[in-house]
Amino acid sequence: MTPLTLGPTATAKLRGPTVTHRLFAAGNHAGLDAHVEAFGALATHDIDGTFIDAVESAGLTGRGGAFFASWRKIAATGSARAGTPFSATPFSAKPVVIANGAEGEPLSFKDKTLLAHAPHLVIDGLLAVARAVAAGQVFIYAGSTSIPAVERALAERPEARRIRVVEAPHTFIAGEAGAVVNRIANGIALPFDHRSRLSDSGLKGRPTLVFNVETLAHLALIARYGPAWFRTEGSDRDPGTRLLSVSGPAGQQVLEVAGDLRLGEVLASAAVDLATVQAVMVGGYHGRWVGPLDYQLSPTGPEGLTVQPGAGVVHVLHTSQCGLEATARIVGYLANESAKQCGPCMFGLPVMARVMNALAHGGCDPRLVGELDRLSHLVTGRGACHHPDGTAQLVGSALGTFADDVKAHVAGNCTKTTRRWHD
């Protein structure tokens, strides 16, 4: 794997009420002293039920891919807006708050980078939410490579001693919210059927909030500087900034960009030669392939003009690469990485992978396209989690974005590799 790099101004110091590259303001591998020097101390003991009002005004949405309004997630515990004192609720009923840094998506590395360079900002946000909802237990769930930096940061924070660290396995579905709770409770990182919301009944039947680590870092800044400051970046429909894992032929880097930024601007900021770009996968393996570079990255907006950034993955496909072959590899991986607990994953995804592989590697049969469409409709909305839905979405976007390649493959010729499979 190519070594990760931060954007060119990612270590800029925080000065004044308006900043760019906010989350890495304390510098690389920041310890507590550098963190406090850059951001100032956060008095988490002053956090109360009014914190949710600030989060609502800020308009922060989740940075893990679901875009759920963060204030609604906090409010769903019931006690949050009322500001129930920590000591007034029996321990067995106290909410659980989990920082999710699992990042099982192969093309995502922004959360690992955040935990490596700004773990104290994540801890601040975690403690603020825990205080706001009077949490009884608090966890950080992260991969093995992230844990040393997290544990060093926790060792510098006496007030964070009650935070438990749980290792996430290196699997694609390990970061799904249900899998996170299942791993902490039972040691198995597999999703479970959502018969009830985690905010109602999660870890050991208690209200449970699972927040992406980047979301918590933004919450820490909102707690310090307020919603008006947060909105000085981004737009009304997508306020604040977000981290992006940008990868492709030019290597890998993490960028922090304002909400509603055009995709072409993102690629230019990453020093990508736009003339070499055939397509871009936005949102990761459960995202979409898109062609036009005038798309805007936004969780909301007019259909056709925006593309959801998902977990912040932006992957560039070079003009010399075959998009159908790339998609076939991904779908094969996703079929193998499923929980294998329900029909769509156990049976639907392996068949979809075989059909996609046939289309990508010489199956000169026009019925393959129709079969992929049929399978996509069969698996969507029927799984225990969203794994089948995300896989079907990627396949559908590939058939549309690489429509010319589909025609060429069906005719027995891959235009990207200039080879024919049948004479």
Protein backbone atom coordinates (compact mmCIF):
# COMPACT_ATOMS: atom_id res chain seq x y z
CA MET A 1 0.00 0.00 0.00
CA THR A 2 1.27 3.45 -0.89
CA PRO A 3 2.13 5.50 2.22
CA LEU A 4 -0.66 7.88 3.16
CA THR A 5 -0.19 11.61 2.89
CA LEU A 6 -2.27 14.43 4.24
CA GLY A 7 -3.35 17.35 2.11
CA PRO A 8 -0.82 20.18 1.69
CA THR A 9 -2.28 22.38 4.42
CA ALA A 10 -3.58 19.67 6.71
CA THR A 11 -1.24 20.69 9.51
CA ALA A 12 -2.16 24.39 9.45
CA LYS A 13 -2.74 25.88 12.91
CA LEU A 14 -6.21 26.90 13.98
CA ARG A 15 -6.44 30.69 14.14
CA GLY A 16 -9.56 32.79 14.41
CA PRO A 17 -13.17 31.75 13.97
CA THR A 18 -12.84 30.44 10.40
CA VAL A 19 -10.44 27.72 9.29
CA THR A 20 -9.82 25.26 6.54
CA HIS A 21 -8.42 21.78 7.22
CA ARG A 22 -9.87 21.86 10.70
CA LEU A 23 -9.41 18.34 11.97
CA PHE A 24 -5.63 18.13 11.63
CA ALA A 25 -4.90 21.58 13.05
CA ALA A 26 -2.77 20.16 15.88
CA GLY A 27 -0.29 18.63 13.43
CA ASN A 28 0.90 15.11 12.71
CA HIS A 29 0.66 12.51 15.50
CA ALA A 30 -0.53 15.19 17.91
CA GLY A 31 -0.20 14.50 21.62
CA LEU A 32 -2.33 16.15 24.27
CA ASP A 33 -0.17 19.27 24.60
CA ALA A 34 -0.24 19.99 20.86
CA HIS A 35 -3.95 19.25 20.80
CA VAL A 36 -4.76 21.70 23.59
CA GLU A 37 -2.44 24.34 22.10
CA ALA A 38 -4.25 24.14 18.75
CA PHE A 39 -7.85 23.79 19.91
CA GLY A 40 -7.95 24.81 23.55
CA ALA A 41 -9.24 22.65 26.38
CA LEU A 42 -12.79 21.30 26.27
CA ALA A 43 -14.58 21.28 29.62
CA THR A 44 -16.72 18.19 29.05
CA HIS A 45 -18.17 18.48 32.57
CA ASP A 46 -20.02 21.59 31.34
CA ILE A 47 -21.77 19.63 28.58
CA ASP A 48 -25.49 19.25 29.26
CA GLY A 49 -28.73 18.62 27.42
CA THR A 50 -28.38 21.90 25.49
CA PHE A 51 -25.51 20.35 23.53
CA ILE A 52 -28.03 18.68 21.26
CA ASP A 53 -29.47 22.08 20.30
CA ALA A 54 -26.02 23.22 19.15
CA VAL A 55 -25.57 20.05 17.09
CA GLU A 56 -29.00 20.52 15.52
CA SER A 57 -28.17 24.13 14.58
CA ALA A 58 -24.83 23.05 13.14
CA GLY A 59 -26.51 20.60 10.74
CA LEU A 60 -23.83 17.94 11.14
CA THR A 61 -24.63 14.65 9.45
CA GLY A 62 -22.84 11.35 10.00
CA ARG A 63 -19.49 10.89 8.29
CA GLY A 64 -19.61 7.10 8.26
CA GLY A 65 -21.84 6.85 5.20
CA ALA A 66 -25.44 7.03 6.40
CA PHE A 67 -25.73 10.86 6.64
CA PHE A 68 -28.16 10.60 9.51
CA ALA A 69 -28.59 13.89 11.37
CA SER A 70 -26.27 13.69 14.38
CA TRP A 71 -28.62 15.58 16.68
CA ARG A 72 -31.43 13.11 16.00
CA LYS A 73 -29.13 10.24 16.84
CA ILE A 74 -28.28 11.81 20.20
CA ALA A 75 -31.90 12.74 20.88
CA ALA A 76 -33.02 9.18 20.20
CA THR A 77 -31.70 8.11 23.61
CA GLY A 78 -34.59 9.99 25.20
CA SER A 79 -32.64 11.47 28.11
CA ALA A 80 -30.40 13.63 25.94
CA ARG A 81 -32.57 16.71 25.46
CA ALA A 82 -33.85 16.53 29.03
CA GLY A 83 -30.28 16.56 30.28
CA THR A 84 -30.84 13.80 32.82
CA PRO A 85 -27.97 13.89 35.35
CA PHE A 86 -25.53 11.00 35.16
CA SER A 87 -26.32 9.85 38.69
CA ALA A 88 -30.12 9.95 38.24
CA THR A 89 -30.40 6.93 35.92
CA PRO A 90 -29.80 3.30 36.99
CA PHE A 91 -26.63 1.88 35.40
CA SER A 92 -28.60 -0.88 33.69
CA ALA A 93 -30.57 1.79 31.79
CA LYS A 94 -27.72 4.19 30.99
CA PRO A 95 -26.96 4.57 27.28
CA VAL A 96 -23.83 3.20 25.62
CA VAL A 97 -21.75 5.35 23.25
CA ILE A 98 -19.35 3.77 20.75
CA ALA A 99 -16.76 5.49 18.55
CA ASN A 100 -16.62 3.44 15.34
CA GLY A 101 -13.23 3.51 13.63
CA ALA A 102 -13.37 0.02 12.12
CA GLU A 103 -13.13 1.19 8.48
CA GLY A 104 -13.48 -2.18 6.78
CA GLU A 105 -13.88 -0.55 3.35
CA PRO A 106 -10.63 -1.41 1.46
CA LEU A 107 -10.40 2.01 -0.23
CA SER A 108 -11.07 3.99 2.97
CA PHE A 109 -8.25 5.19 5.20
CA LYS A 110 -9.44 8.58 6.44
CA ASP A 111 -10.54 7.23 9.84
CA LYS A 112 -7.21 5.46 10.37
CA THR A 113 -5.47 8.71 9.50
CA LEU A 114 -7.66 10.68 11.89
CA LEU A 115 -7.01 8.28 14.76
CA ALA A 116 -3.27 8.37 14.04
CA HIS A 117 -2.96 12.16 13.93
CA ALA A 118 -5.91 13.54 15.94
CA PRO A 119 -7.05 10.90 18.45
CA HIS A 120 -7.67 13.54 21.14
CA LEU A 121 -10.27 15.27 18.99
CA VAL A 122 -12.16 11.97 18.67
CA ILE A 123 -11.90 11.40 22.42
CA ASP A 124 -13.22 14.92 23.07
CA GLY A 125 -16.27 14.26 20.93
CA LEU A 126 -16.84 10.87 22.52
CA LEU A 127 -16.70 12.32 26.04
CA ALA A 128 -18.99 15.21 25.06
CA VAL A 129 -21.67 12.85 23.71
CA ALA A 130 -21.26 10.52 26.68
CA ARG A 131 -21.81 13.45 29.03
CA ALA A 132 -24.80 14.75 27.07
CA VAL A 133 -26.64 11.40 27.23
CA ALA A 134 -25.41 10.34 30.69
CA ALA A 135 -23.74 7.25 29.22
CA GLY A 136 -22.92 4.30 31.41
CA GLN A 137 -20.32 2.73 29.11
CA VAL A 138 -18.09 4.23 26.45
CA PHE A 139 -16.07 2.36 23.82
CA ILE A 140 -13.62 3.02 21.01
CA TYR A 141 -13.83 0.32 18.33
CA ALA A 142 -10.94 0.34 15.88
CA GLY A 143 -8.61 -1.82 13.83
CA SER A 144 -5.35 -3.17 15.21
CA THR A 145 -3.22 -0.58 13.42
CA SER A 146 -5.14 2.28 15.06
CA ILE A 147 -5.18 0.96 18.61
CA PRO A 148 -1.62 1.95 19.68
CA ALA A 149 -2.26 5.66 18.92
CA VAL A 150 -5.65 5.49 20.65
CA GLU A 151 -4.21 3.86 23.76
CA ARG A 152 -1.37 6.41 23.95
CA ALA A 153 -3.92 9.22 23.78
CA LEU A 154 -6.14 7.65 26.42
CA ALA A 155 -3.14 7.26 28.73
CA GLU A 156 -2.72 11.05 28.63
CA ARG A 157 -6.34 11.61 29.67
CA PRO A 158 -7.26 10.70 33.28
CA GLU A 159 -10.87 11.65 32.60
CA ALA A 160 -10.98 9.07 29.80
CA ARG A 161 -10.06 6.05 31.90
CA ARG A 162 -13.53 4.55 31.64
CA ILE A 163 -13.28 4.35 27.83
CA ARG A 164 -12.74 0.75 26.74
CA VAL A 165 -10.91 -0.10 23.51
CA VAL A 166 -12.18 -3.03 21.44
CA GLU A 167 -10.32 -4.33 18.39
CA ALA A 168 -12.27 -4.57 15.14
CA PRO A 169 -11.39 -7.43 12.77
CA HIS A 170 -10.21 -6.63 9.26
CA THR A 171 -13.44 -7.51 7.45
CA PHE A 172 -15.68 -5.42 5.23
CA ILE A 173 -18.79 -5.71 7.39
CA ALA A 174 -17.04 -5.25 10.75
CA GLY A 175 -17.94 -1.56 10.79
CA GLU A 176 -21.69 -2.03 10.26
CA ALA A 177 -23.41 -0.70 13.37
CA GLY A 178 -25.02 -4.00 14.31
CA ALA A 179 -21.73 -5.82 13.77
CA VAL A 180 -19.98 -3.29 16.03
CA VAL A 181 -22.42 -3.97 18.87
CA ASN A 182 -22.29 -7.73 18.28
CA ARG A 183 -18.47 -7.70 18.41
CA ILE A 184 -18.40 -5.80 21.71
CA ALA A 185 -21.13 -7.97 23.24
CA ASN A 186 -20.25 -11.40 21.87
CA GLY A 187 -16.88 -11.16 20.12
CA ILE A 188 -18.42 -11.76 16.68
CA ALA A 189 -18.41 -8.88 14.18
CA LEU A 190 -21.51 -9.90 12.26
CA PRO A 191 -24.63 -7.79 11.72
CA PHE A 192 -27.87 -8.88 13.28
CA ASP A 193 -31.43 -8.37 12.15
CA HIS A 194 -32.59 -4.89 13.15
CA ARG A 195 -35.87 -5.74 14.79
CA SER A 196 -35.46 -2.62 16.90
CA ARG A 197 -33.31 0.48 16.63
CA LEU A 198 -29.97 0.44 18.42
CA SER A 199 -30.97 3.71 20.06
CA ASP A 200 -33.80 1.77 21.71
CA SER A 201 -32.10 -1.56 22.37
CA GLY A 202 -28.47 -2.17 21.53
CA LEU A 203 -25.63 -3.46 23.70
CA LYS A 204 -27.18 -5.71 26.35
CA GLY A 205 -30.57 -4.16 25.61
CA ARG A 206 -29.48 -0.63 26.47
CA PRO A 207 -29.85 2.47 24.25
CA THR A 208 -26.72 2.51 22.10
CA LEU A 209 -25.22 5.25 19.94
CA VAL A 210 -22.62 4.26 17.33
CA PHE A 211 -20.82 7.27 15.91
CA ASN A 212 -18.15 7.30 13.22
CA VAL A 213 -14.90 8.69 14.62
CA GLU A 214 -14.86 11.61 12.17
CA THR A 215 -18.37 12.57 13.23
CA LEU A 216 -17.17 12.68 16.84
CA ALA A 217 -14.22 14.88 15.89
CA HIS A 218 -16.62 17.39 14.33
CA LEU A 219 -18.84 17.20 17.43
CA ALA A 220 -15.81 18.13 19.53
CA LEU A 221 -15.32 21.28 17.46
CA ILE A 222 -19.01 22.18 17.63
CA ALA A 223 -18.84 21.84 21.43
CA ARG A 224 -15.92 24.29 21.46
CA TYR A 225 -16.81 26.87 18.82
CA GLY A 226 -20.55 26.51 18.26
CA PRO A 227 -22.80 25.89 15.25
CA ALA A 228 -22.24 29.25 13.54
CA TRP A 229 -18.50 28.58 13.35
CA PHE A 230 -19.11 25.07 12.01
CA ARG A 231 -21.22 26.49 9.18
CA THR A 232 -18.50 28.87 7.99
CA GLU A 233 -17.35 26.00 5.76
CA GLY A 234 -19.55 24.11 3.31
CA SER A 235 -23.05 25.12 2.28
CA ASP A 236 -26.51 25.39 3.80
CA ARG A 237 -27.45 21.92 2.56
CA ASP A 238 -24.08 20.37 3.46
CA PRO A 239 -22.41 22.43 6.22
CA GLY A 240 -18.93 21.85 7.58
CA THR A 241 -16.04 19.87 6.17
CA ARG A 242 -15.48 16.19 5.51
CA LEU A 243 -12.50 13.90 5.11
CA LEU A 244 -11.98 12.04 1.85
CA SER A 245 -9.84 9.01 1.11
CA VAL A 246 -8.59 9.76 -2.41
CA SER A 247 -6.88 6.93 -4.29
CA GLY A 248 -5.98 5.79 -7.78
CA PRO A 249 -2.99 5.75 -10.12
CA ALA A 250 -1.53 8.83 -8.38
CA GLY A 251 -1.42 7.10 -4.98
CA GLN A 252 -3.35 7.66 -1.77
CA GLN A 253 -3.99 10.76 0.30
CA VAL A 254 -6.48 12.14 2.77
CA LEU A 255 -8.06 15.49 2.01
CA GLU A 256 -10.36 17.62 4.13
CA VAL A 257 -12.79 19.49 1.91
CA ALA A 258 -15.79 21.75 2.35
CA GLY A 259 -19.26 20.27 1.91
CA ASP A 260 -20.87 20.56 -1.53
CA LEU A 261 -17.52 20.68 -3.32
CA ARG A 262 -17.45 19.68 -6.97
CA LEU A 263 -15.82 16.36 -7.72
CA GLY A 264 -13.52 17.95 -10.28
CA GLU A 265 -12.26 20.36 -7.62
CA VAL A 266 -11.53 17.47 -5.29
CA LEU A 267 -9.47 15.70 -7.94
CA ALA A 268 -7.63 18.88 -8.82
CA SER A 269 -6.80 19.39 -5.14
CA ALA A 270 -5.41 15.86 -5.10
CA ALA A 271 -3.20 16.72 -8.12
CA VAL A 272 -5.04 14.25 -10.37
CA ASP A 273 -4.64 14.85 -14.10
CA LEU A 274 -8.27 15.13 -15.17
CA ALA A 275 -7.40 14.13 -18.74
CA THR A 276 -6.47 10.65 -17.46
CA VAL A 277 -9.73 10.06 -15.55
CA GLN A 278 -12.19 7.62 -17.09
CA ALA A 279 -14.53 7.40 -14.09
CA VAL A 280 -14.58 7.87 -10.34
CA MET A 281 -15.96 5.55 -7.71
CA VAL A 282 -17.55 7.74 -5.03
CA GLY A 283 -18.59 6.26 -1.69
CA GLY A 284 -16.51 3.10 -1.91
CA TYR A 285 -17.55 -0.45 -2.71
CA HIS A 286 -21.13 0.36 -1.73
CA GLY A 287 -21.02 3.60 -3.70
CA ARG A 288 -21.35 4.56 -7.36
CA TRP A 289 -19.25 4.91 -10.46
CA VAL A 290 -19.74 8.34 -12.02
CA GLY A 291 -18.35 9.84 -15.18
CA PRO A 292 -18.96 13.59 -15.34
CA LEU A 293 -16.58 15.56 -13.16
CA ASP A 294 -19.09 18.35 -12.49
CA TYR A 295 -20.91 16.24 -9.91
CA GLN A 296 -21.09 17.73 -6.44
CA LEU A 297 -20.31 15.72 -3.32
CA SER A 298 -23.33 16.16 -1.10
CA PRO A 299 -25.66 13.91 0.91
CA THR A 300 -28.67 15.83 -0.45
CA GLY A 301 -29.49 17.72 -3.60
CA PRO A 302 -31.24 17.48 -6.98
CA GLU A 303 -31.09 13.99 -8.43
CA GLY A 304 -28.49 13.69 -11.15
CA LEU A 305 -26.47 16.69 -10.00
CA THR A 306 -25.00 15.31 -6.81
CA VAL A 307 -23.35 12.11 -5.65
CA GLN A 308 -23.32 11.03 -2.03
CA PRO A 309 -19.79 10.79 -0.64
CA GLY A 310 -20.71 7.77 1.50
CA ALA A 311 -17.84 7.00 3.84
CA GLY A 312 -15.70 9.56 2.03
CA VAL A 313 -14.10 7.32 -0.61
CA VAL A 314 -13.04 8.82 -3.95
CA HIS A 315 -11.28 6.30 -6.19
CA VAL A 316 -10.02 7.25 -9.65
CA LEU A 317 -10.13 4.84 -12.58
CA HIS A 318 -7.52 5.61 -15.24
CA THR A 319 -8.56 5.79 -18.90
CA SER A 320 -6.44 2.69 -19.61
CA GLN A 321 -8.33 0.53 -17.11
CA CYS A 322 -11.44 -1.54 -17.73
CA GLY A 323 -14.30 -0.46 -15.49
CA LEU A 324 -16.16 -3.76 -15.86
CA GLU A 325 -13.12 -5.77 -14.84
CA ALA A 326 -12.59 -3.49 -11.85
CA THR A 327 -16.24 -3.88 -10.84
CA ALA A 328 -16.11 -7.66 -11.23
CA ARG A 329 -13.16 -7.85 -8.83
CA ILE A 330 -15.02 -5.74 -6.29
CA VAL A 331 -18.26 -7.71 -6.53
CA GLY A 332 -16.34 -10.95 -6.10
CA TYR A 333 -14.75 -9.52 -2.97
CA LEU A 334 -18.11 -8.34 -1.61
CA ALA A 335 -19.68 -11.75 -2.18
CA ASN A 336 -16.90 -13.35 -0.14
CA GLU A 337 -17.09 -10.69 2.59
CA SER A 338 -20.80 -11.06 3.32
CA ALA A 339 -22.12 -12.24 6.68
CA LYS A 340 -23.66 -15.28 4.94
CA GLN A 341 -26.63 -15.09 7.28
CA CYS A 342 -29.49 -14.40 4.85
CA GLY A 343 -30.55 -15.48 1.38
CA PRO A 344 -29.48 -12.38 -0.58
CA CYS A 345 -25.91 -12.66 0.73
CA MET A 346 -25.64 -16.45 0.77
CA PHE A 347 -27.06 -17.05 -2.70
CA GLY A 348 -27.71 -13.77 -4.53
CA LEU A 349 -24.29 -12.10 -4.27
CA PRO A 350 -22.22 -15.14 -5.39
CA VAL A 351 -24.43 -15.52 -8.47
CA MET A 352 -24.17 -11.80 -9.16
CA ALA A 353 -20.37 -12.05 -8.87
CA ARG A 354 -20.26 -14.92 -11.38
CA VAL A 355 -22.44 -13.08 -13.89
CA MET A 356 -20.44 -9.87 -13.49
CA ASN A 357 -17.21 -11.82 -13.95
CA ALA A 358 -18.57 -13.45 -17.10
CA LEU A 359 -19.48 -10.05 -18.57
CA ALA A 360 -16.06 -8.64 -17.69
CA HIS A 361 -14.04 -11.56 -19.04
CA GLY A 362 -15.53 -12.71 -22.29
CA GLY A 363 -19.09 -13.82 -21.79
CA CYS A 364 -20.44 -12.67 -25.13
CA ASP A 365 -24.07 -13.00 -24.18
CA PRO A 366 -26.37 -9.94 -24.15
CA ARG A 367 -28.58 -11.70 -21.60
CA LEU A 368 -25.88 -11.16 -18.94
CA VAL A 369 -26.89 -7.52 -18.55
CA GLY A 370 -30.53 -8.40 -18.00
CA GLU A 371 -29.54 -11.08 -15.51
CA LEU A 372 -27.52 -8.59 -13.48
CA ASP A 373 -30.51 -6.27 -13.43
CA ARG A 374 -32.79 -9.10 -12.32
CA LEU A 375 -30.44 -10.17 -9.55
CA SER A 376 -30.07 -6.60 -8.33
CA HIS A 377 -33.83 -6.31 -7.89
CA LEU A 378 -33.96 -9.67 -6.13
CA VAL A 379 -31.37 -8.84 -3.45
CA THR A 380 -32.21 -5.18 -2.82
CA GLY A 381 -34.17 -4.51 0.35
CA ARG A 382 -34.24 -8.14 1.42
CA GLY A 383 -31.04 -8.53 3.41
CA ALA A 384 -30.54 -8.46 7.16
CA CYS A 385 -28.27 -5.44 6.56
CA HIS A 386 -27.54 -3.15 3.60
CA HIS A 387 -24.67 -5.21 2.18
CA PRO A 388 -26.71 -6.62 -0.75
CA ASP A 389 -28.21 -3.19 -1.49
CA GLY A 390 -24.82 -1.52 -1.67
CA THR A 391 -23.44 -4.22 -3.93
CA ALA A 392 -26.41 -3.95 -6.29
CA GLN A 393 -26.02 -0.17 -6.39
CA LEU A 394 -22.39 -0.44 -7.50
CA VAL A 395 -23.26 -2.95 -10.22
CA GLY A 396 -26.08 -0.77 -11.53
CA SER A 397 -23.82 2.28 -11.68
CA ALA A 398 -21.17 0.30 -13.56
CA LEU A 399 -23.65 -0.82 -16.23
CA GLY A 400 -24.67 2.80 -16.76
CA THR A 401 -21.30 4.54 -16.53
CA PHE A 402 -19.51 1.92 -18.65
CA ALA A 403 -22.36 1.40 -21.13
CA ASP A 404 -20.03 1.59 -24.13
CA ASP A 405 -17.76 -1.01 -22.57
CA VAL A 406 -20.75 -3.25 -21.91
CA LYS A 407 -21.60 -3.20 -25.63
CA ALA A 408 -17.98 -3.93 -26.52
CA HIS A 409 -17.73 -6.83 -24.06
CA VAL A 410 -20.95 -8.38 -25.31
CA ALA A 411 -19.47 -8.14 -28.83
CA GLY A 412 -16.34 -9.93 -27.63
CA ASN A 413 -13.96 -7.00 -27.46
CA CYS A 414 -12.65 -5.05 -24.48
CA THR A 415 -11.88 -1.57 -25.74
CA LYS A 416 -9.54 -0.84 -22.81
CA THR A 417 -7.23 -3.77 -23.40
CA THR A 418 -7.82 -3.99 -27.20
CA ARG A 419 -8.21 -7.74 -27.01
CA ARG A 420 -10.87 -10.03 -28.46
CA TRP A 421 -12.07 -13.17 -26.70
CA HIS A 422 -13.72 -14.80 -29.72
CA ASP A 423 -12.72 -14.63 -33.37
